[in-house]
Amino acid sequence: MNTYYALPHLKKSQGRIVAISSVAGLNGVPTRTAYAAIKHAMFGFFDSLRIELLDTGVTVTMIAPDFVLSEIHRRAFGKDGNPLGSSPVQEDKVMTADECASKIIKAMAK
């Protein structure tokens, strides 16, 4: 993980690590088993790292967006192992990548 190589600089500058995961890392999501597992692992890793870095001045911010409009919804595999081919979410109600990025920047600033 690139975090390992960035830590010496982050410790010197008392920087911030921003890890972007997903709400799927907090709750299971149907048809996203592998994706949810990876995002759960991210939360475990970065929360543990946050605790280990408490006395160094390095902070860790976890970001867990809800659904974001992207191709991942169409490229996901169903429970039979075949591509879903369509999005199971109402895409007109999902935030765009630009909206998500704007919210992430605001969270980083806080």
Protein backbone atom coordinates (compact mmCIF):
# COMPACT_ATOMS: atom_id res chain seq x y z
CA MET A 1 0.00 0.00 0.00
CA ASN A 2 1.29 3.45 -0.88
CA THR A 3 0.46 4.69 2.63
CA TYR A 4 3.58 2.95 3.95
CA TYR A 5 5.85 4.98 1.68
CA ALA A 6 4.09 8.26 2.44
CA LEU A 7 4.27 7.91 6.24
CA PRO A 8 7.76 9.38 6.77
CA HIS A 9 6.78 12.57 4.93
CA LEU A 10 3.36 12.68 6.61
CA LYS A 11 4.97 12.40 10.04
CA LYS A 12 7.38 15.25 9.26
CA SER A 13 4.61 17.49 7.91
CA GLN A 14 1.92 16.31 10.34
CA GLY A 15 -0.22 15.59 7.31
CA ARG A 16 -3.55 13.94 6.75
CA ILE A 17 -4.40 10.60 5.18
CA VAL A 18 -7.75 10.62 3.39
CA ALA A 19 -9.04 7.12 2.65
CA ILE A 20 -12.02 6.90 0.35
CA SER A 21 -14.11 3.82 0.99
CA SER A 22 -17.87 3.42 0.68
CA VAL A 23 -20.98 2.95 2.77
CA ALA A 24 -20.61 -0.65 1.59
CA GLY A 25 -17.73 -0.78 4.07
CA LEU A 26 -20.17 -0.07 6.89
CA ASN A 27 -23.11 -2.21 5.80
CA GLY A 28 -23.42 -5.11 3.43
CA VAL A 29 -24.83 -4.38 -0.02
CA PRO A 30 -26.62 -7.03 -2.13
CA THR A 31 -24.78 -7.96 -5.34
CA ARG A 32 -21.59 -6.28 -4.04
CA THR A 33 -20.14 -8.97 -1.77
CA ALA A 34 -16.49 -8.70 -2.85
CA TYR A 35 -16.68 -4.92 -3.08
CA ALA A 36 -18.15 -4.68 0.45
CA ALA A 37 -15.45 -7.01 1.81
CA ILE A 38 -12.68 -4.82 0.40
CA LYS A 39 -14.28 -1.66 1.77
CA HIS A 40 -14.72 -3.27 5.22
CA ALA A 41 -11.01 -4.13 5.15
CA MET A 42 -10.16 -0.51 4.34
CA PHE A 43 -12.09 0.68 7.39
CA GLY A 44 -10.28 -1.81 9.60
CA PHE A 45 -6.86 -0.89 8.22
CA PHE A 46 -7.23 2.88 8.33
CA ASP A 47 -9.01 2.95 11.69
CA SER A 48 -6.19 0.88 13.18
CA LEU A 49 -3.62 3.12 11.52
CA ARG A 50 -5.40 6.20 12.88
CA ILE A 51 -4.99 4.82 16.41
CA GLU A 52 -1.32 3.93 15.83
CA LEU A 53 -0.60 7.45 14.56
CA LEU A 54 -2.32 9.37 17.38
CA ASP A 55 0.93 10.69 18.87
CA THR A 56 2.56 11.58 15.55
CA GLY A 57 0.38 14.49 14.42
CA VAL A 58 -0.80 12.53 11.38
CA THR A 59 -4.58 12.42 11.09
CA VAL A 60 -6.70 9.91 9.20
CA THR A 61 -10.02 10.83 7.64
CA MET A 62 -12.29 8.07 6.33
CA ILE A 63 -14.73 8.98 3.58
CA ALA A 64 -17.70 6.68 2.96
CA PRO A 65 -19.84 8.00 0.11
CA ASP A 66 -23.21 6.54 -0.70
CA PHE A 67 -23.81 5.52 -4.31
CA VAL A 68 -21.89 7.61 -6.83
CA LEU A 69 -22.75 7.60 -10.52
CA SER A 70 -20.07 5.50 -12.20
CA GLU A 71 -19.60 2.46 -14.39
CA ILE A 72 -19.11 0.15 -11.40
CA HIS A 73 -22.85 -0.41 -11.17
CA ARG A 74 -22.99 -1.81 -14.70
CA ARG A 75 -19.77 -3.79 -14.41
CA ALA A 76 -20.71 -5.58 -11.19
CA PHE A 77 -21.32 -9.31 -11.14
CA GLY A 78 -24.54 -10.91 -9.95
CA LYS A 79 -24.80 -13.84 -7.54
CA ASP A 80 -24.52 -16.23 -10.50
CA GLY A 81 -21.11 -14.78 -11.41
CA ASN A 82 -22.34 -13.14 -14.61
CA PRO A 83 -22.21 -9.39 -15.23
CA LEU A 84 -25.35 -7.56 -14.13
CA GLY A 85 -25.24 -5.44 -17.28
CA SER A 86 -27.49 -2.78 -15.82
CA SER A 87 -27.53 -0.63 -12.76
CA PRO A 88 -29.76 -1.77 -9.88
CA VAL A 89 -29.88 1.80 -8.50
CA GLN A 90 -32.01 4.74 -9.57
CA GLU A 91 -29.25 6.67 -11.28
CA ASP A 92 -31.20 9.92 -11.42
CA LYS A 93 -31.11 9.97 -7.59
CA VAL A 94 -27.39 9.22 -7.28
CA MET A 95 -24.76 11.92 -6.80
CA THR A 96 -22.30 12.55 -9.60
CA ALA A 97 -18.57 12.06 -9.22
CA ASP A 98 -18.15 15.86 -9.23
CA GLU A 99 -20.65 16.24 -6.37
CA CYS A 100 -18.87 13.51 -4.44
CA ALA A 101 -15.46 15.11 -5.00
CA SER A 102 -16.78 18.46 -3.79
CA LYS A 103 -18.07 16.87 -0.58
CA ILE A 104 -14.75 15.07 -0.04
CA ILE A 105 -12.82 18.33 -0.40
CA LYS A 106 -15.12 20.01 2.15
CA ALA A 107 -14.60 17.11 4.59
CA MET A 108 -10.83 17.33 4.15
CA ALA A 109 -10.89 21.04 4.91
CA LYS A 110 -12.76 20.46 8.18
